Amino acid sequence: MNHMIKPSKADDLKEILSQLPNLERLSLNSNNFWKLPRDMFAFNHNLKSISLHNNALTCLDGVFDRLIDEGILDRIRVTGNANGWEQDLRFRGADGMQQFKLLINDKLCE
């Protein structure tokens, strides 16, 4: 018996985002995401601003590393999630992105 695994909303979104390489701003608020694939934004080379508030995020291991390390991502909001991210968490600029990366690394899931 062959069981098909239904893709998650995040996997479906990853496929859509792969078709939008020039996307600069993305709002994914209130989608009940709890984890994003590490390569979620692999094809997004201009993604400067992301809002992920009011989800259920607990794992963001490696998801934003490339965007941060290459100086692409300039702004992110993860307020209202899980794993201690319930408070108002907004990060902006190069220093803010490094603070965000430290926060993620402090809450690694794997």
PDB file of N, CA and C in Angstrom:
ATOM      1  N   MET A   1       0.844  -1.175   0.000  1.00  0.00           N
ATOM      2  CA  MET A   1       0.000   0.000   0.000  1.00  0.00           C
ATOM      3  C   MET A   1       0.890   1.240   0.000  1.00  0.00           C
ATOM      4  N   ASN A   2       0.666   2.121  -0.927  1.00  0.00           N
ATOM      5  CA  ASN A   2       1.472   3.329  -1.087  1.00  0.00           C
ATOM      6  C   ASN A   2       0.774   4.504  -0.404  1.00  0.00           C
ATOM      7  N   HIS A   3       1.445   5.127   0.559  1.00  0.00           N
ATOM      8  CA  HIS A   3       0.885   6.274   1.256  1.00  0.00           C
ATOM      9  C   HIS A   3       1.536   7.543   0.740  1.00  0.00           C
ATOM     10  N   MET A   4       0.746   8.466   0.310  1.00  0.00           N
ATOM     11  CA  MET A   4       1.274   9.752  -0.140  1.00  0.00           C
ATOM     12  C   MET A   4       1.309  10.708   1.048  1.00  0.00           C
ATOM     13  N   ILE A   5       2.385  11.440   1.151  1.00  0.00           N
ATOM     14  CA  ILE A   5       2.506  12.438   2.207  1.00  0.00           C
ATOM     15  C   ILE A   5       2.031  13.764   1.657  1.00  0.00           C
ATOM     16  N   LYS A   6       1.059  14.318   2.321  1.00  0.00           N
ATOM     17  CA  LYS A   6       0.523  15.598   1.892  1.00  0.00           C
ATOM     18  C   LYS A   6       1.517  16.703   2.249  1.00  0.00           C
ATOM     19  N   PRO A   7       1.870  17.548   1.271  1.00  0.00           N
ATOM     20  CA  PRO A   7       2.802  18.634   1.580  1.00  0.00           C
ATOM     21  C   PRO A   7       2.176  19.637   2.549  1.00  0.00           C
ATOM     22  N   SER A   8       3.027  20.227   3.365  1.00  0.00           N
ATOM     23  CA  SER A   8       2.537  21.232   4.302  1.00  0.00           C
ATOM     24  C   SER A   8       2.299  22.546   3.571  1.00  0.00           C
ATOM     25  N   LYS A   9       1.612  23.459   4.240  1.00  0.00           N
ATOM     26  CA  LYS A   9       1.418  24.784   3.665  1.00  0.00           C
ATOM     27  C   LYS A   9       2.764  25.446   3.390  1.00  0.00           C
ATOM     28  N   ALA A  10       3.740  25.225   4.266  1.00  0.00           N
ATOM     29  CA  ALA A  10       5.065  25.815   4.078  1.00  0.00           C
ATOM     30  C   ALA A  10       5.739  25.241   2.833  1.00  0.00           C
ATOM     31  N   ASP A  11       5.588  23.939   2.592  1.00  0.00           N
ATOM     32  CA  ASP A  11       6.174  23.338   1.391  1.00  0.00           C
ATOM     33  C   ASP A  11       5.507  23.887   0.128  1.00  0.00           C
ATOM     34  N   ASP A  12       4.192  24.043   0.170  1.00  0.00           N
ATOM     35  CA  ASP A  12       3.472  24.636  -0.962  1.00  0.00           C
ATOM     36  C   ASP A  12       3.969  26.057  -1.220  1.00  0.00           C
ATOM     37  N   LEU A  13       4.144  26.802  -0.144  1.00  0.00           N
ATOM     38  CA  LEU A  13       4.604  28.183  -0.271  1.00  0.00           C
ATOM     39  C   LEU A  13       6.020  28.246  -0.823  1.00  0.00           C
ATOM     40  N   LYS A  14       6.868  27.329  -0.405  1.00  0.00           N
ATOM     41  CA  LYS A  14       8.251  27.285  -0.903  1.00  0.00           C
ATOM     42  C   LYS A  14       8.264  27.168  -2.422  1.00  0.00           C
ATOM     43  N   GLU A  15       7.393  26.333  -2.964  1.00  0.00           N
ATOM     44  CA  GLU A  15       7.291  26.170  -4.421  1.00  0.00           C
ATOM     45  C   GLU A  15       6.866  27.477  -5.084  1.00  0.00           C
ATOM     46  N   ILE A  16       5.900  28.152  -4.507  1.00  0.00           N
ATOM     47  CA  ILE A  16       5.442  29.437  -5.056  1.00  0.00           C
ATOM     48  C   ILE A  16       6.559  30.472  -4.997  1.00  0.00           C
ATOM     49  N   LEU A  17       7.245  30.556  -3.851  1.00  0.00           N
ATOM     50  CA  LEU A  17       8.321  31.533  -3.693  1.00  0.00           C
ATOM     51  C   LEU A  17       9.466  31.292  -4.662  1.00  0.00           C
ATOM     52  N   SER A  18       9.686  30.052  -5.051  1.00  0.00           N
ATOM     53  CA  SER A  18      10.756  29.752  -6.000  1.00  0.00           C
ATOM     54  C   SER A  18      10.503  30.407  -7.359  1.00  0.00           C
ATOM     55  N   GLN A  19       9.248  30.753  -7.611  1.00  0.00           N
ATOM     56  CA  GLN A  19       8.888  31.401  -8.878  1.00  0.00           C
ATOM     57  C   GLN A  19       8.943  32.930  -8.794  1.00  0.00           C
ATOM     58  N   LEU A  20       9.325  33.459  -7.618  1.00  0.00           N
ATOM     59  CA  LEU A  20       9.335  34.907  -7.389  1.00  0.00           C
ATOM     60  C   LEU A  20      10.717  35.378  -6.927  1.00  0.00           C
ATOM     61  N   PRO A  21      11.746  35.245  -7.763  1.00  0.00           N
ATOM     62  CA  PRO A  21      13.110  35.567  -7.326  1.00  0.00           C
ATOM     63  C   PRO A  21      13.333  37.043  -7.008  1.00  0.00           C
ATOM     64  N   ASN A  22      12.531  37.929  -7.544  1.00  0.00           N
ATOM     65  CA  ASN A  22      12.719  39.368  -7.317  1.00  0.00           C
ATOM     66  C   ASN A  22      11.856  39.934  -6.202  1.00  0.00           C
ATOM     67  N   LEU A  23      11.150  39.078  -5.490  1.00  0.00           N
ATOM     68  CA  LEU A  23      10.291  39.502  -4.384  1.00  0.00           C
ATOM     69  C   LEU A  23      11.113  40.253  -3.333  1.00  0.00           C
ATOM     70  N   GLU A  24      10.623  41.420  -2.901  1.00  0.00           N
ATOM     71  CA  GLU A  24      11.341  42.224  -1.917  1.00  0.00           C
ATOM     72  C   GLU A  24      10.678  42.240  -0.548  1.00  0.00           C
ATOM     73  N   ARG A  25       9.369  42.122  -0.482  1.00  0.00           N
ATOM     74  CA  ARG A  25       8.644  42.172   0.786  1.00  0.00           C
ATOM     75  C   ARG A  25       7.644  41.021   0.830  1.00  0.00           C
ATOM     76  N   LEU A  26       7.565  40.384   2.012  1.00  0.00           N
ATOM     77  CA  LEU A  26       6.685  39.238   2.153  1.00  0.00           C
ATOM     78  C   LEU A  26       6.031  39.252   3.524  1.00  0.00           C
ATOM     79  N   SER A  27       4.715  39.109   3.544  1.00  0.00           N
ATOM     80  CA  SER A  27       3.963  39.032   4.787  1.00  0.00           C
ATOM     81  C   SER A  27       3.313  37.654   4.861  1.00  0.00           C
ATOM     82  N   LEU A  28       3.704  36.893   5.891  1.00  0.00           N
ATOM     83  CA  LEU A  28       3.164  35.547   6.111  1.00  0.00           C
ATOM     84  C   LEU A  28       2.530  35.471   7.491  1.00  0.00           C
ATOM     85  N   ASN A  29       1.805  36.491   7.856  1.00  0.00           N
ATOM     86  CA  ASN A  29       1.193  36.588   9.176  1.00  0.00           C
ATOM     87  C   ASN A  29       0.007  35.638   9.308  1.00  0.00           C
ATOM     88  N   SER A  30      -0.155  35.085  10.501  1.00  0.00           N
ATOM     89  CA  SER A  30      -1.340  34.305  10.879  1.00  0.00           C
ATOM     90  C   SER A  30      -1.624  33.130   9.947  1.00  0.00           C
ATOM     91  N   ASN A  31      -0.601  32.332   9.673  1.00  0.00           N
ATOM     92  CA  ASN A  31      -0.760  31.152   8.821  1.00  0.00           C
ATOM     93  C   ASN A  31      -0.567  29.838   9.566  1.00  0.00           C
ATOM     94  N   ASN A  32      -0.378  29.907  10.861  1.00  0.00           N
ATOM     95  CA  ASN A  32      -0.189  28.728  11.696  1.00  0.00           C
ATOM     96  C   ASN A  32       1.051  27.912  11.307  1.00  0.00           C
ATOM     97  N   PHE A  33       2.056  28.587  10.734  1.00  0.00           N
ATOM     98  CA  PHE A  33       3.328  27.916  10.465  1.00  0.00           C
ATOM     99  C   PHE A  33       4.022  27.638  11.783  1.00  0.00           C
ATOM    100  N   TRP A  34       4.588  26.442  11.947  1.00  0.00           N
ATOM    101  CA  TRP A  34       5.351  26.126  13.146  1.00  0.00           C
ATOM    102  C   TRP A  34       6.812  25.884  12.815  1.00  0.00           C
ATOM    103  N   LYS A  35       7.095  25.576  11.541  1.00  0.00           N
ATOM    104  CA  LYS A  35       8.458  25.370  11.086  1.00  0.00           C
ATOM    105  C   LYS A  35       8.525  25.697   9.604  1.00  0.00           C
ATOM    106  N   LEU A  36       9.642  26.266   9.193  1.00  0.00           N
ATOM    107  CA  LEU A  36       9.854  26.568   7.783  1.00  0.00           C
ATOM    108  C   LEU A  36      11.041  25.752   7.293  1.00  0.00           C
ATOM    109  N   PRO A  37      10.987  25.274   6.045  1.00  0.00           N
ATOM    110  CA  PRO A  37      12.125  24.531   5.508  1.00  0.00           C
ATOM    111  C   PRO A  37      13.371  25.423   5.448  1.00  0.00           C
ATOM    112  N   ARG A  38      14.535  24.832   5.675  1.00  0.00           N
ATOM    113  CA  ARG A  38      15.791  25.593   5.635  1.00  0.00           C
ATOM    114  C   ARG A  38      15.974  26.335   4.314  1.00  0.00           C
ATOM    115  N   ASP A  39      15.506  25.742   3.235  1.00  0.00           N
ATOM    116  CA  ASP A  39      15.691  26.349   1.914  1.00  0.00           C
ATOM    117  C   ASP A  39      14.448  27.107   1.442  1.00  0.00           C
ATOM    118  N   MET A  40      13.635  27.548   2.373  1.00  0.00           N
ATOM    119  CA  MET A  40      12.387  28.255   2.055  1.00  0.00           C
ATOM    120  C   MET A  40      12.616  29.427   1.097  1.00  0.00           C
ATOM    121  N   PHE A  41      13.689  30.173   1.312  1.00  0.00           N
ATOM    122  CA  PHE A  41      13.935  31.379   0.524  1.00  0.00           C
ATOM    123  C   PHE A  41      15.153  31.239  -0.391  1.00  0.00           C
ATOM    124  N   ALA A  42      15.443  30.024  -0.830  1.00  0.00           N
ATOM    125  CA  ALA A  42      16.635  29.732  -1.635  1.00  0.00           C
ATOM    126  C   ALA A  42      16.677  30.508  -2.950  1.00  0.00           C
ATOM    127  N   PHE A  43      15.533  30.825  -3.512  1.00  0.00           N
ATOM    128  CA  PHE A  43      15.496  31.488  -4.816  1.00  0.00           C
ATOM    129  C   PHE A  43      15.148  32.972  -4.711  1.00  0.00           C
ATOM    130  N   ASN A  44      15.011  33.478  -3.503  1.00  0.00           N
ATOM    131  CA  ASN A  44      14.633  34.874  -3.287  1.00  0.00           C
ATOM    132  C   ASN A  44      15.891  35.689  -2.988  1.00  0.00           C
ATOM    133  N   HIS A  45      16.383  36.362  -4.008  1.00  0.00           N
ATOM    134  CA  HIS A  45      17.669  37.058  -3.912  1.00  0.00           C
ATOM    135  C   HIS A  45      17.534  38.533  -3.553  1.00  0.00           C
ATOM    136  N   ASN A  46      16.317  39.010  -3.406  1.00  0.00           N
ATOM    137  CA  ASN A  46      16.088  40.424  -3.103  1.00  0.00           C
ATOM    138  C   ASN A  46      15.156  40.627  -1.913  1.00  0.00           C
ATOM    139  N   LEU A  47      14.946  39.601  -1.132  1.00  0.00           N
ATOM    140  CA  LEU A  47      13.964  39.634  -0.050  1.00  0.00           C
ATOM    141  C   LEU A  47      14.474  40.450   1.135  1.00  0.00           C
ATOM    142  N   LYS A  48      14.029  41.699   1.204  1.00  0.00           N
ATOM    143  CA  LYS A  48      14.514  42.650   2.201  1.00  0.00           C
ATOM    144  C   LYS A  48      13.682  42.668   3.486  1.00  0.00           C
ATOM    145  N   SER A  49      12.398  42.333   3.386  1.00  0.00           N
ATOM    146  CA  SER A  49      11.503  42.470   4.535  1.00  0.00           C
ATOM    147  C   SER A  49      10.544  41.283   4.615  1.00  0.00           C
ATOM    148  N   ILE A  50      10.483  40.670   5.819  1.00  0.00           N
ATOM    149  CA  ILE A  50       9.595  39.529   6.039  1.00  0.00           C
ATOM    150  C   ILE A  50       8.841  39.745   7.351  1.00  0.00           C
ATOM    151  N   SER A  51       7.550  39.494   7.317  1.00  0.00           N
ATOM    152  CA  SER A  51       6.740  39.536   8.527  1.00  0.00           C
ATOM    153  C   SER A  51       6.129  38.159   8.746  1.00  0.00           C
ATOM    154  N   LEU A  52       6.410  37.590   9.900  1.00  0.00           N
ATOM    155  CA  LEU A  52       5.934  36.246  10.246  1.00  0.00           C
ATOM    156  C   LEU A  52       5.195  36.248  11.574  1.00  0.00           C
ATOM    157  N   HIS A  53       4.579  37.372  11.944  1.00  0.00           N
ATOM    158  CA  HIS A  53       3.952  37.410  13.260  1.00  0.00           C
ATOM    159  C   HIS A  53       2.640  36.621  13.295  1.00  0.00           C
ATOM    160  N   ASN A  54       2.304  36.227  14.528  1.00  0.00           N
ATOM    161  CA  ASN A  54       1.067  35.476  14.810  1.00  0.00           C
ATOM    162  C   ASN A  54       0.989  34.146  14.072  1.00  0.00           C
ATOM    163  N   ASN A  55       2.081  33.409  14.081  1.00  0.00           N
ATOM    164  CA  ASN A  55       2.096  32.032  13.625  1.00  0.00           C
ATOM    165  C   ASN A  55       2.310  31.167  14.861  1.00  0.00           C
ATOM    166  N   ALA A  56       2.869  29.995  14.686  1.00  0.00           N
ATOM    167  CA  ALA A  56       3.189  29.123  15.816  1.00  0.00           C
ATOM    168  C   ALA A  56       4.647  28.685  15.730  1.00  0.00           C
ATOM    169  N   LEU A  57       5.470  29.528  15.137  1.00  0.00           N
ATOM    170  CA  LEU A  57       6.862  29.180  14.851  1.00  0.00           C
ATOM    171  C   LEU A  57       7.639  28.784  16.093  1.00  0.00           C
ATOM    172  N   THR A  58       8.315  27.666  15.982  1.00  0.00           N
ATOM    173  CA  THR A  58       9.231  27.225  17.022  1.00  0.00           C
ATOM    174  C   THR A  58      10.607  26.946  16.433  1.00  0.00           C
ATOM    175  N   CYS A  59      10.684  26.598  15.158  1.00  0.00           N
ATOM    176  CA  CYS A  59      11.950  26.247  14.509  1.00  0.00           C
ATOM    177  C   CYS A  59      12.234  27.150  13.320  1.00  0.00           C
ATOM    178  N   LEU A  60      13.359  27.827  13.384  1.00  0.00           N
ATOM    179  CA  LEU A  60      13.811  28.643  12.257  1.00  0.00           C
ATOM    180  C   LEU A  60      15.276  28.353  11.939  1.00  0.00           C
ATOM    181  N   ASP A  61      15.755  27.193  12.350  1.00  0.00           N
ATOM    182  CA  ASP A  61      17.153  26.815  12.159  1.00  0.00           C
ATOM    183  C   ASP A  61      17.575  26.945  10.693  1.00  0.00           C
ATOM    184  N   GLY A  62      18.520  27.832  10.432  1.00  0.00           N
ATOM    185  CA  GLY A  62      19.105  27.965   9.104  1.00  0.00           C
ATOM    186  C   GLY A  62      18.244  28.625   8.048  1.00  0.00           C
ATOM    187  N   VAL A  63      17.002  28.927   8.351  1.00  0.00           N
ATOM    188  CA  VAL A  63      16.072  29.455   7.344  1.00  0.00           C
ATOM    189  C   VAL A  63      16.544  30.792   6.774  1.00  0.00           C
ATOM    190  N   PHE A  64      17.095  31.656   7.620  1.00  0.00           N
ATOM    191  CA  PHE A  64      17.451  33.006   7.184  1.00  0.00           C
ATOM    192  C   PHE A  64      18.952  33.228   7.054  1.00  0.00           C
ATOM    193  N   ASP A  65      19.754  32.195   7.279  1.00  0.00           N
ATOM    194  CA  ASP A  65      21.209  32.358   7.283  1.00  0.00           C
ATOM    195  C   ASP A  65      21.732  33.025   6.013  1.00  0.00           C
ATOM    196  N   ARG A  66      21.362  32.513   4.854  1.00  0.00           N
ATOM    197  CA  ARG A  66      21.867  33.071   3.600  1.00  0.00           C
ATOM    198  C   ARG A  66      21.437  34.515   3.421  1.00  0.00           C
ATOM    199  N   LEU A  67      20.162  34.792   3.686  1.00  0.00           N
ATOM    200  CA  LEU A  67      19.658  36.156   3.518  1.00  0.00           C
ATOM    201  C   LEU A  67      20.376  37.137   4.440  1.00  0.00           C
ATOM    202  N   ILE A  68      20.699  36.693   5.639  1.00  0.00           N
ATOM    203  CA  ILE A  68      21.395  37.552   6.596  1.00  0.00           C
ATOM    204  C   ILE A  68      22.879  37.650   6.238  1.00  0.00           C
ATOM    205  N   ASP A  69      23.516  36.513   5.988  1.00  0.00           N
ATOM    206  CA  ASP A  69      24.949  36.503   5.702  1.00  0.00           C
ATOM    207  C   ASP A  69      25.311  37.278   4.441  1.00  0.00           C
ATOM    208  N   GLU A  70      24.414  37.286   3.464  1.00  0.00           N
ATOM    209  CA  GLU A  70      24.665  38.024   2.225  1.00  0.00           C
ATOM    210  C   GLU A  70      24.175  39.466   2.291  1.00  0.00           C
ATOM    211  N   GLY A  71      23.659  39.883   3.450  1.00  0.00           N
ATOM    212  CA  GLY A  71      23.220  41.268   3.623  1.00  0.00           C
ATOM    213  C   GLY A  71      21.967  41.630   2.852  1.00  0.00           C
ATOM    214  N   ILE A  72      21.154  40.655   2.535  1.00  0.00           N
ATOM    215  CA  ILE A  72      19.930  40.893   1.764  1.00  0.00           C
ATOM    216  C   ILE A  72      18.786  41.303   2.690  1.00  0.00           C
ATOM    217  N   LEU A  73      18.520  40.496   3.694  1.00  0.00           N
ATOM    218  CA  LEU A  73      17.406  40.750   4.619  1.00  0.00           C
ATOM    219  C   LEU A  73      17.733  41.950   5.501  1.00  0.00           C
ATOM    220  N   ASP A  74      16.808  42.905   5.545  1.00  0.00           N
ATOM    221  CA  ASP A  74      17.026  44.132   6.311  1.00  0.00           C
ATOM    222  C   ASP A  74      16.012  44.294   7.446  1.00  0.00           C
ATOM    223  N   ARG A  75      14.911  43.542   7.368  1.00  0.00           N
ATOM    224  CA  ARG A  75      13.833  43.744   8.344  1.00  0.00           C
ATOM    225  C   ARG A  75      13.033  42.459   8.523  1.00  0.00           C
ATOM    226  N   ILE A  76      12.750  42.118   9.788  1.00  0.00           N
ATOM    227  CA  ILE A  76      11.928  40.937  10.054  1.00  0.00           C
ATOM    228  C   ILE A  76      11.125  41.149  11.327  1.00  0.00           C
ATOM    229  N   ARG A  77       9.921  40.598  11.331  1.00  0.00           N
ATOM    230  CA  ARG A  77       9.056  40.638  12.515  1.00  0.00           C
ATOM    231  C   ARG A  77       8.569  39.222  12.786  1.00  0.00           C
ATOM    232  N   VAL A  78       8.797  38.751  14.021  1.00  0.00           N
ATOM    233  CA  VAL A  78       8.374  37.396  14.410  1.00  0.00           C
ATOM    234  C   VAL A  78       7.533  37.412  15.683  1.00  0.00           C
ATOM    235  N   THR A  79       6.912  38.522  15.981  1.00  0.00           N
ATOM    236  CA  THR A  79       6.090  38.684  17.182  1.00  0.00           C
ATOM    237  C   THR A  79       4.937  37.679  17.202  1.00  0.00           C
ATOM    238  N   GLY A  80       4.606  37.200  18.399  1.00  0.00           N
ATOM    239  CA  GLY A  80       3.414  36.370  18.564  1.00  0.00           C
ATOM    240  C   GLY A  80       3.574  34.939  18.110  1.00  0.00           C
ATOM    241  N   ASN A  81       4.768  34.385  18.263  1.00  0.00           N
ATOM    242  CA  ASN A  81       5.013  32.995  17.915  1.00  0.00           C
ATOM    243  C   ASN A  81       5.287  32.201  19.185  1.00  0.00           C
ATOM    244  N   ALA A  82       5.769  30.987  19.038  1.00  0.00           N
ATOM    245  CA  ALA A  82       6.063  30.128  20.186  1.00  0.00           C
ATOM    246  C   ALA A  82       7.549  30.195  20.523  1.00  0.00           C
ATOM    247  N   ASN A  83       8.006  29.290  21.365  1.00  0.00           N
ATOM    248  CA  ASN A  83       9.418  29.149  21.700  1.00  0.00           C
ATOM    249  C   ASN A  83      10.016  30.425  22.297  1.00  0.00           C
ATOM    250  N   GLY A  84       9.215  31.175  23.053  1.00  0.00           N
ATOM    251  CA  GLY A  84       9.715  32.397  23.676  1.00  0.00           C
ATOM    252  C   GLY A  84       9.669  33.607  22.769  1.00  0.00           C
ATOM    253  N   TRP A  85       9.018  33.484  21.643  1.00  0.00           N
ATOM    254  CA  TRP A  85       8.926  34.602  20.698  1.00  0.00           C
ATOM    255  C   TRP A  85       7.545  35.251  20.731  1.00  0.00           C
ATOM    256  N   GLU A  86       6.914  35.252  21.902  1.00  0.00           N
ATOM    257  CA  GLU A  86       5.585  35.824  22.014  1.00  0.00           C
ATOM    258  C   GLU A  86       5.628  37.353  22.052  1.00  0.00           C
ATOM    259  N   GLN A  87       6.706  37.908  22.624  1.00  0.00           N
ATOM    260  CA  GLN A  87       6.790  39.359  22.778  1.00  0.00           C
ATOM    261  C   GLN A  87       7.004  40.053  21.436  1.00  0.00           C
ATOM    262  N   ASP A  88       7.037  41.364  21.472  1.00  0.00           N
ATOM    263  CA  ASP A  88       7.206  42.178  20.270  1.00  0.00           C
ATOM    264  C   ASP A  88       8.640  42.055  19.772  1.00  0.00           C
ATOM    265  N   LEU A  89       8.846  41.255  18.751  1.00  0.00           N
ATOM    266  CA  LEU A  89      10.182  41.031  18.203  1.00  0.00           C
ATOM    267  C   LEU A  89      10.252  41.535  16.779  1.00  0.00           C
ATOM    268  N   ARG A  90      10.919  42.661  16.636  1.00  0.00           N
ATOM    269  CA  ARG A  90      11.149  43.275  15.332  1.00  0.00           C
ATOM    270  C   ARG A  90      12.630  43.587  15.236  1.00  0.00           C
ATOM    271  N   PHE A  91      13.217  43.251  14.106  1.00  0.00           N
ATOM    272  CA  PHE A  91      14.636  43.479  13.905  1.00  0.00           C
ATOM    273  C   PHE A  91      14.821  44.232  12.595  1.00  0.00           C
ATOM    274  N   ARG A  92      15.768  45.169  12.603  1.00  0.00           N
ATOM    275  CA  ARG A  92      15.990  46.000  11.424  1.00  0.00           C
ATOM    276  C   ARG A  92      17.472  46.330  11.305  1.00  0.00           C
ATOM    277  N   GLY A  93      17.949  46.375  10.070  1.00  0.00           N
ATOM    278  CA  GLY A  93      19.335  46.748   9.803  1.00  0.00           C
ATOM    279  C   GLY A  93      20.298  45.598  10.058  1.00  0.00           C
ATOM    280  N   ALA A  94      21.560  45.818   9.715  1.00  0.00           N
ATOM    281  CA  ALA A  94      22.583  44.784   9.829  1.00  0.00           C
ATOM    282  C   ALA A  94      22.747  44.303  11.273  1.00  0.00           C
ATOM    283  N   ASP A  95      22.784  45.229  12.224  1.00  0.00           N
ATOM    284  CA  ASP A  95      22.915  44.841  13.628  1.00  0.00           C
ATOM    285  C   ASP A  95      21.703  44.054  14.103  1.00  0.00           C
ATOM    286  N   GLY A  96      20.530  44.486  13.693  1.00  0.00           N
ATOM    287  CA  GLY A  96      19.301  43.783  14.058  1.00  0.00           C
ATOM    288  C   GLY A  96      19.265  42.372  13.490  1.00  0.00           C
ATOM    289  N   MET A  97      19.748  42.207  12.268  1.00  0.00           N
ATOM    290  CA  MET A  97      19.757  40.873  11.661  1.00  0.00           C
ATOM    291  C   MET A  97      20.700  39.941  12.420  1.00  0.00           C
ATOM    292  N   GLN A  98      21.823  40.472  12.880  1.00  0.00           N
ATOM    293  CA  GLN A  98      22.744  39.647  13.667  1.00  0.00           C
ATOM    294  C   GLN A  98      22.116  39.267  15.014  1.00  0.00           C
ATOM    295  N   GLN A  99      21.384  40.193  15.619  1.00  0.00           N
ATOM    296  CA  GLN A  99      20.673  39.892  16.873  1.00  0.00           C
ATOM    297  C   GLN A  99      19.626  38.804  16.636  1.00  0.00           C
ATOM    298  N   PHE A 100      18.915  38.906  15.526  1.00  0.00           N
ATOM    299  CA  PHE A 100      17.907  37.908  15.169  1.00  0.00           C
ATOM    300  C   PHE A 100      18.553  36.545  14.977  1.00  0.00           C
ATOM    301  N   LYS A 101      19.673  36.514  14.279  1.00  0.00           N
ATOM    302  CA  LYS A 101      20.381  35.252  14.040  1.00  0.00           C
ATOM    303  C   LYS A 101      20.838  34.635  15.363  1.00  0.00           C
ATOM    304  N   LEU A 102      21.299  35.460  16.294  1.00  0.00           N
ATOM    305  CA  LEU A 102      21.689  34.966  17.615  1.00  0.00           C
ATOM    306  C   LEU A 102      20.487  34.380  18.358  1.00  0.00           C
ATOM    307  N   LEU A 103      19.339  35.039  18.236  1.00  0.00           N
ATOM    308  CA  LEU A 103      18.120  34.543  18.869  1.00  0.00           C
ATOM    309  C   LEU A 103      17.749  33.172  18.318  1.00  0.00           C
ATOM    310  N   ILE A 104      17.815  33.010  17.014  1.00  0.00           N
ATOM    311  CA  ILE A 104      17.507  31.715  16.386  1.00  0.00           C
ATOM    312  C   ILE A 104      18.483  30.655  16.885  1.00  0.00           C
ATOM    313  N   ASN A 105      19.765  30.993  16.874  1.00  0.00           N
ATOM    314  CA  ASN A 105      20.785  30.030  17.300  1.00  0.00           C
ATOM    315  C   ASN A 105      20.661  29.664  18.769  1.00  0.00           C
ATOM    316  N   ASP A 106      20.068  30.552  19.542  1.00  0.00           N
ATOM    317  CA  ASP A 106      19.844  30.301  20.960  1.00  0.00           C
ATOM    318  C   ASP A 106      18.661  29.352  21.191  1.00  0.00           C
ATOM    319  N   LYS A 107      17.848  29.180  20.164  1.00  0.00           N
ATOM    320  CA  LYS A 107      16.642  28.344  20.271  1.00  0.00           C
ATOM    321  C   LYS A 107      16.627  27.257  19.190  1.00  0.00           C
ATOM    322  N   LEU A 108      17.777  26.673  18.928  1.00  0.00           N
ATOM    323  CA  LEU A 108      17.871  25.650  17.899  1.00  0.00           C
ATOM    324  C   LEU A 108      16.980  24.457  18.218  1.00  0.00           C
ATOM    325  N   CYS A 109      16.412  23.887  17.186  1.00  0.00           N
ATOM    326  CA  CYS A 109      15.474  22.781  17.357  1.00  0.00           C
ATOM    327  C   CYS A 109      16.102  21.432  17.077  1.00  0.00           C
ATOM    328  N   GLU A 110      17.152  21.401  16.316  1.00  0.00           N
ATOM    329  CA  GLU A 110      17.751  20.111  15.916  1.00  0.00           C
ATOM    330  C   GLU A 110      18.986  19.832  16.717  1.00  0.00           C
TER     331      GLU A 110
END
